[in-house]
Amino acid sequence: MGYGYQWWTFPLGAQALPELDGGLFAALGIFGQQLYIHPKEQLVVAIHSAWPQPVHGPSLVETHALLGALVAALRS
């Protein structure tokens, strides 16, 4: 992953989101505030959350599963 100016990039084959084929970038805030943009899939997802901790691993895993499911649904 790369980081700059409050944005994260997810390279090709990123282990957390392999179904997105790289090209994804995101603005990630604390307590689950997130913005994901994937130009190749023409996908923008804004997530407003209230996680129990500023960074919460189980919630992040669920968010990544949601993004994967959204892409799979859009492709079918």
Protein backbone atom coordinates (compact mmCIF):
# COMPACT_ATOMS: atom_id res chain seq x y z
CA MET A 1 0.00 0.00 0.00
CA GLY A 2 1.09 3.55 -0.57
CA TYR A 3 0.15 6.71 1.29
CA GLY A 4 0.29 10.42 0.49
CA TYR A 5 -1.72 13.54 1.26
CA GLN A 6 -4.29 11.58 3.31
CA TRP A 7 -4.89 9.07 0.46
CA TRP A 8 -3.99 5.36 0.32
CA THR A 9 -3.38 3.32 -2.81
CA PHE A 10 -3.93 -0.41 -3.19
CA PRO A 11 -1.54 -1.99 -5.72
CA LEU A 12 -2.34 -4.84 -8.07
CA GLY A 13 -2.83 -8.02 -6.06
CA ALA A 14 -3.36 -6.24 -2.74
CA GLN A 15 -4.00 -9.08 -0.31
CA ALA A 16 -6.87 -7.34 1.49
CA LEU A 17 -8.84 -6.62 -1.70
CA PRO A 18 -7.65 -9.01 -4.45
CA GLU A 19 -10.97 -8.89 -6.33
CA LEU A 20 -10.45 -5.21 -7.15
CA ASP A 21 -7.46 -5.83 -9.48
CA GLY A 22 -5.45 -2.82 -8.30
CA GLY A 23 -6.18 0.78 -9.18
CA LEU A 24 -8.20 1.38 -6.00
CA PHE A 25 -7.42 4.39 -3.85
CA ALA A 26 -9.04 5.54 -0.64
CA ALA A 27 -9.25 8.30 1.93
CA LEU A 28 -9.37 6.61 5.33
CA GLY A 29 -10.36 8.40 8.52
CA ILE A 30 -10.75 7.26 12.09
CA PHE A 31 -13.77 5.40 13.46
CA GLY A 32 -14.61 4.03 9.99
CA GLN A 33 -14.96 7.20 7.91
CA GLN A 34 -13.90 6.06 4.43
CA LEU A 35 -14.04 6.99 0.77
CA TYR A 36 -13.08 4.38 -1.82
CA ILE A 37 -12.60 5.20 -5.51
CA HIS A 38 -11.94 2.62 -8.21
CA PRO A 39 -11.90 4.23 -11.68
CA LYS A 40 -11.63 0.93 -13.59
CA GLU A 41 -14.85 -0.34 -12.00
CA GLN A 42 -16.51 3.12 -12.14
CA LEU A 43 -17.12 2.75 -8.41
CA VAL A 44 -17.19 5.35 -5.64
CA VAL A 45 -18.19 4.29 -2.12
CA ALA A 46 -18.53 6.69 0.81
CA ILE A 47 -18.86 5.04 4.21
CA HIS A 48 -19.88 6.84 7.38
CA SER A 49 -19.38 4.60 10.40
CA ALA A 50 -19.09 4.70 14.17
CA TRP A 51 -16.58 1.97 15.01
CA PRO A 52 -15.97 1.21 18.70
CA GLN A 53 -12.28 2.18 18.31
CA PRO A 54 -10.44 4.61 15.98
CA VAL A 55 -9.00 1.64 14.06
CA HIS A 56 -11.00 -1.59 14.41
CA GLY A 57 -9.67 -4.65 12.58
CA PRO A 58 -12.90 -6.70 12.49
CA SER A 59 -14.86 -3.74 11.09
CA LEU A 60 -12.21 -3.13 8.44
CA VAL A 61 -12.42 -6.79 7.37
CA GLU A 62 -16.21 -6.42 7.05
CA THR A 63 -15.78 -3.23 5.02
CA HIS A 64 -13.40 -4.96 2.61
CA ALA A 65 -15.88 -7.84 2.25
CA LEU A 66 -18.61 -5.30 1.43
CA LEU A 67 -16.45 -3.66 -1.24
CA GLY A 68 -15.66 -7.05 -2.79
CA ALA A 69 -19.36 -7.96 -2.83
CA LEU A 70 -20.28 -4.63 -4.44
CA VAL A 71 -17.76 -5.15 -7.23
CA ALA A 72 -18.91 -8.75 -7.78
CA ALA A 73 -22.54 -7.61 -8.00
CA LEU A 74 -21.70 -4.82 -10.45
CA ARG A 75 -19.76 -7.23 -12.67
CA SER A 76 -22.62 -9.74 -12.91
